[in-house]
């Protein structure tokens, strides 16, 4: 009985940590990124639309005297495994 209670408490703590990490991750995402669209709007891109144009400032810090260049983002989201990978590049 004690083991079951400890295991239940541990699961609750792990879920709380996961929730807090996701909440922190989402708060740092900027509106123009594909990852932001996946998490907040449920939008996924497929086929020819897989690579989306974004701005450098969507993911990276841009200095005041630096232009905000066009970048591209490919986002692979696998809901069944609950993970995402974003690849970001400049042409």
N, C-alpha and C. Protein backbone atom coordinates (compact mmCIF):
# COMPACT_ATOMS: atom_id res chain seq x y z
N UNK A 1 0.81 -1.19 0.00
CA UNK A 1 0.00 0.00 0.00
C UNK A 1 0.87 1.27 0.00
N UNK A 2 1.88 1.26 0.84
CA UNK A 2 2.78 2.42 0.92
C UNK A 2 3.50 2.61 -0.41
N UNK A 3 3.95 1.49 -1.01
CA UNK A 3 4.64 1.57 -2.30
C UNK A 3 3.73 2.18 -3.37
N UNK A 4 2.47 1.78 -3.40
CA UNK A 4 1.52 2.29 -4.38
C UNK A 4 1.33 3.80 -4.20
N UNK A 5 1.24 4.25 -2.96
CA UNK A 5 1.09 5.68 -2.69
C UNK A 5 2.34 6.45 -3.11
N UNK A 6 3.52 5.91 -2.82
CA UNK A 6 4.77 6.56 -3.23
C UNK A 6 4.85 6.65 -4.75
N UNK A 7 4.47 5.58 -5.42
CA UNK A 7 4.50 5.57 -6.89
C UNK A 7 3.52 6.58 -7.45
N UNK A 8 2.34 6.68 -6.89
CA UNK A 8 1.34 7.66 -7.33
C UNK A 8 1.85 9.08 -7.13
N UNK A 9 2.46 9.34 -5.98
CA UNK A 9 3.02 10.66 -5.71
C UNK A 9 4.15 10.99 -6.68
N UNK A 10 5.00 10.01 -6.98
CA UNK A 10 6.11 10.22 -7.90
C UNK A 10 5.59 10.55 -9.30
N UNK A 11 4.56 9.84 -9.74
CA UNK A 11 3.97 10.11 -11.06
C UNK A 11 3.39 11.52 -11.11
N UNK A 12 2.73 11.93 -10.04
CA UNK A 12 2.15 13.28 -10.00
C UNK A 12 3.24 14.34 -10.07
N UNK A 13 4.34 14.11 -9.36
CA UNK A 13 5.46 15.06 -9.40
C UNK A 13 6.08 15.13 -10.79
N UNK A 14 6.26 13.98 -11.43
CA UNK A 14 6.83 13.94 -12.78
C UNK A 14 5.91 14.68 -13.75
N UNK A 15 4.61 14.45 -13.65
CA UNK A 15 3.67 15.14 -14.54
C UNK A 15 3.71 16.65 -14.32
N UNK A 16 3.85 17.07 -13.07
CA UNK A 16 3.93 18.50 -12.78
C UNK A 16 5.20 19.10 -13.39
N UNK A 17 6.32 18.39 -13.30
CA UNK A 17 7.58 18.86 -13.89
C UNK A 17 7.43 18.97 -15.41
N UNK A 18 6.85 17.95 -16.04
CA UNK A 18 6.63 17.97 -17.49
C UNK A 18 5.75 19.16 -17.88
N UNK A 19 4.68 19.37 -17.14
CA UNK A 19 3.77 20.48 -17.42
C UNK A 19 4.50 21.81 -17.31
N UNK A 20 5.29 21.98 -16.25
CA UNK A 20 6.02 23.23 -16.06
C UNK A 20 7.05 23.47 -17.14
N UNK A 21 7.72 22.40 -17.59
CA UNK A 21 8.70 22.54 -18.68
C UNK A 21 8.00 22.94 -19.98
N UNK A 22 6.86 22.32 -20.28
CA UNK A 22 6.12 22.66 -21.48
C UNK A 22 5.63 24.10 -21.40
N UNK A 23 5.13 24.50 -20.24
CA UNK A 23 4.64 25.86 -20.05
C UNK A 23 5.78 26.87 -20.26
N UNK A 24 6.96 26.57 -19.73
CA UNK A 24 8.11 27.46 -19.91
C UNK A 24 8.53 27.50 -21.38
N UNK A 25 8.55 26.34 -22.04
CA UNK A 25 8.91 26.28 -23.45
C UNK A 25 7.96 27.12 -24.29
N UNK A 26 6.66 26.97 -24.05
CA UNK A 26 5.67 27.72 -24.82
C UNK A 26 5.75 29.22 -24.57
N UNK A 27 6.09 29.60 -23.35
CA UNK A 27 6.18 31.03 -23.05
C UNK A 27 7.37 31.67 -23.75
N UNK A 28 8.38 30.88 -24.12
CA UNK A 28 9.55 31.42 -24.81
C UNK A 28 9.41 31.39 -26.33
N UNK A 29 8.44 30.64 -26.84
CA UNK A 29 8.23 30.59 -28.29
C UNK A 29 7.65 31.91 -28.78
N UNK A 30 8.05 32.28 -29.98
CA UNK A 30 7.51 33.51 -30.57
C UNK A 30 6.47 33.12 -31.62
N UNK A 31 5.53 34.02 -31.84
CA UNK A 31 4.38 33.76 -32.68
C UNK A 31 4.66 33.38 -34.11
N UNK A 32 5.80 33.73 -34.66
CA UNK A 32 6.06 33.43 -36.06
C UNK A 32 6.64 32.07 -36.33
N UNK A 33 7.03 31.34 -35.29
CA UNK A 33 7.66 30.04 -35.51
C UNK A 33 6.62 28.96 -35.80
N UNK A 34 7.04 27.96 -36.55
CA UNK A 34 6.17 26.83 -36.86
C UNK A 34 5.86 26.06 -35.58
N UNK A 35 6.84 25.92 -34.71
CA UNK A 35 6.63 25.22 -33.44
C UNK A 35 5.51 25.88 -32.63
N UNK A 36 5.49 27.20 -32.62
CA UNK A 36 4.44 27.94 -31.92
C UNK A 36 3.07 27.59 -32.51
N UNK A 37 2.98 27.56 -33.83
CA UNK A 37 1.71 27.23 -34.49
C UNK A 37 1.26 25.81 -34.16
N UNK A 38 2.20 24.88 -34.10
CA UNK A 38 1.85 23.50 -33.77
C UNK A 38 1.27 23.41 -32.37
N UNK A 39 1.96 24.03 -31.40
CA UNK A 39 1.54 23.92 -30.00
C UNK A 39 0.31 24.75 -29.67
N UNK A 40 0.16 25.92 -30.25
CA UNK A 40 -0.94 26.79 -29.83
C UNK A 40 -2.16 26.70 -30.72
N UNK A 41 -1.96 26.38 -32.01
CA UNK A 41 -3.09 26.35 -32.94
C UNK A 41 -3.36 24.96 -33.52
N UNK A 42 -2.47 24.00 -33.25
CA UNK A 42 -2.65 22.66 -33.77
C UNK A 42 -2.40 22.55 -35.27
N UNK A 43 -1.68 23.51 -35.85
CA UNK A 43 -1.41 23.53 -37.29
C UNK A 43 -0.18 22.69 -37.59
N UNK A 44 -0.28 21.79 -38.55
CA UNK A 44 0.86 21.02 -39.03
C UNK A 44 0.95 21.17 -40.54
N UNK A 45 2.16 21.21 -41.05
CA UNK A 45 2.38 21.37 -42.49
C UNK A 45 2.92 20.07 -43.06
N UNK A 46 2.47 19.74 -44.28
CA UNK A 46 2.87 18.49 -44.92
C UNK A 46 3.27 18.76 -46.36
N UNK A 47 4.00 17.81 -46.92
CA UNK A 47 4.37 17.88 -48.33
C UNK A 47 5.19 19.11 -48.66
N UNK A 48 4.77 19.82 -49.71
CA UNK A 48 5.50 21.00 -50.17
C UNK A 48 5.49 22.13 -49.15
N UNK A 49 4.52 22.11 -48.24
CA UNK A 49 4.43 23.17 -47.23
C UNK A 49 5.26 22.86 -45.98
N UNK A 50 5.98 21.75 -45.97
CA UNK A 50 6.73 21.34 -44.78
C UNK A 50 7.73 22.39 -44.31
N UNK A 51 8.37 23.06 -45.26
CA UNK A 51 9.32 24.12 -44.92
C UNK A 51 8.62 25.45 -45.01
N UNK A 52 8.57 26.17 -43.89
CA UNK A 52 7.90 27.46 -43.83
C UNK A 52 8.91 28.58 -43.63
N UNK A 53 8.66 29.71 -44.28
CA UNK A 53 9.51 30.88 -44.08
C UNK A 53 9.18 31.49 -42.72
N UNK A 54 10.22 31.81 -41.98
CA UNK A 54 10.09 32.49 -40.71
C UNK A 54 11.11 33.63 -40.69
N UNK A 55 11.18 34.36 -39.61
CA UNK A 55 12.20 35.40 -39.45
C UNK A 55 13.21 34.94 -38.42
N UNK A 56 14.42 35.37 -38.60
CA UNK A 56 15.49 35.00 -37.68
C UNK A 56 15.09 35.29 -36.23
N UNK A 57 14.43 36.40 -36.01
CA UNK A 57 14.04 36.81 -34.65
C UNK A 57 12.99 35.89 -34.02
N UNK A 58 12.36 35.01 -34.83
CA UNK A 58 11.40 34.06 -34.27
C UNK A 58 12.09 33.05 -33.36
N UNK A 59 13.37 32.78 -33.63
CA UNK A 59 14.11 31.80 -32.83
C UNK A 59 15.37 32.36 -32.17
N UNK A 60 15.95 33.39 -32.79
CA UNK A 60 17.24 33.88 -32.32
C UNK A 60 17.17 35.34 -31.92
N UNK A 61 18.07 35.72 -31.06
CA UNK A 61 18.16 37.11 -30.65
C UNK A 61 18.82 37.91 -31.77
N UNK A 62 18.22 39.02 -32.13
CA UNK A 62 18.75 39.87 -33.20
C UNK A 62 19.18 41.20 -32.56
N UNK A 63 20.39 41.59 -32.85
CA UNK A 63 20.89 42.86 -32.30
C UNK A 63 20.18 44.04 -32.96
N UNK A 64 20.19 45.17 -32.27
CA UNK A 64 19.50 46.36 -32.77
C UNK A 64 19.99 46.80 -34.15
N UNK A 65 21.28 46.65 -34.42
CA UNK A 65 21.84 47.10 -35.69
C UNK A 65 21.90 45.98 -36.73
N UNK A 66 21.29 44.85 -36.43
CA UNK A 66 21.32 43.69 -37.32
C UNK A 66 19.97 43.53 -38.02
N UNK A 67 19.97 43.28 -39.34
CA UNK A 67 18.69 43.05 -40.02
C UNK A 67 18.06 41.72 -39.60
N UNK A 68 16.76 41.65 -39.68
CA UNK A 68 16.02 40.43 -39.35
C UNK A 68 15.86 39.61 -40.63
N UNK A 69 16.77 38.69 -40.86
CA UNK A 69 16.82 37.92 -42.10
C UNK A 69 15.71 36.87 -42.17
N UNK A 70 15.38 36.48 -43.42
CA UNK A 70 14.46 35.38 -43.65
C UNK A 70 15.17 34.07 -43.35
N UNK A 71 14.53 33.24 -42.58
CA UNK A 71 15.01 31.90 -42.29
C UNK A 71 13.89 30.94 -42.68
N UNK A 72 14.17 29.65 -42.56
CA UNK A 72 13.18 28.62 -42.85
C UNK A 72 13.14 27.63 -41.71
N UNK A 73 11.97 27.08 -41.49
CA UNK A 73 11.80 26.11 -40.40
C UNK A 73 11.04 24.90 -40.92
N UNK A 74 11.59 23.75 -40.64
CA UNK A 74 10.92 22.48 -40.88
C UNK A 74 10.64 21.88 -39.51
N UNK A 75 9.40 21.59 -39.25
CA UNK A 75 9.01 21.10 -37.92
C UNK A 75 8.41 19.70 -38.05
N UNK A 76 9.02 18.76 -37.39
CA UNK A 76 8.51 17.40 -37.37
C UNK A 76 7.87 17.17 -36.01
N UNK A 77 6.56 17.03 -36.00
CA UNK A 77 5.82 16.81 -34.76
C UNK A 77 5.19 15.44 -34.83
N UNK A 78 5.46 14.62 -33.80
CA UNK A 78 4.92 13.27 -33.74
C UNK A 78 4.06 13.15 -32.48
N UNK A 79 2.75 13.38 -32.63
CA UNK A 79 1.87 13.37 -31.46
C UNK A 79 1.86 12.05 -30.70
N UNK A 80 1.97 10.94 -31.43
CA UNK A 80 1.90 9.64 -30.75
C UNK A 80 3.08 9.43 -29.79
N UNK A 81 4.21 10.09 -30.06
CA UNK A 81 5.36 10.01 -29.16
C UNK A 81 5.55 11.30 -28.36
N UNK A 82 4.70 12.29 -28.62
CA UNK A 82 4.72 13.56 -27.92
C UNK A 82 6.08 14.25 -27.98
N UNK A 83 6.62 14.36 -29.21
CA UNK A 83 7.87 15.11 -29.36
C UNK A 83 7.86 15.91 -30.65
N UNK A 84 8.77 16.87 -30.69
CA UNK A 84 8.88 17.76 -31.84
C UNK A 84 10.35 18.07 -32.08
N UNK A 85 10.70 18.17 -33.34
CA UNK A 85 12.03 18.60 -33.72
C UNK A 85 11.86 19.71 -34.77
N UNK A 86 12.47 20.85 -34.54
CA UNK A 86 12.46 21.93 -35.53
C UNK A 86 13.87 22.09 -36.07
N UNK A 87 13.96 22.14 -37.38
CA UNK A 87 15.23 22.40 -38.06
C UNK A 87 15.11 23.80 -38.67
N UNK A 88 16.07 24.65 -38.38
CA UNK A 88 16.02 26.05 -38.81
C UNK A 88 17.27 26.35 -39.61
N UNK A 89 17.10 27.02 -40.78
CA UNK A 89 18.26 27.33 -41.60
C UNK A 89 18.03 28.62 -42.37
N UNK A 90 19.14 29.12 -42.88
CA UNK A 90 19.13 30.32 -43.71
C UNK A 90 19.61 29.92 -45.09
N UNK A 91 18.95 30.42 -46.13
CA UNK A 91 19.39 30.11 -47.51
C UNK A 91 20.52 30.99 -47.91
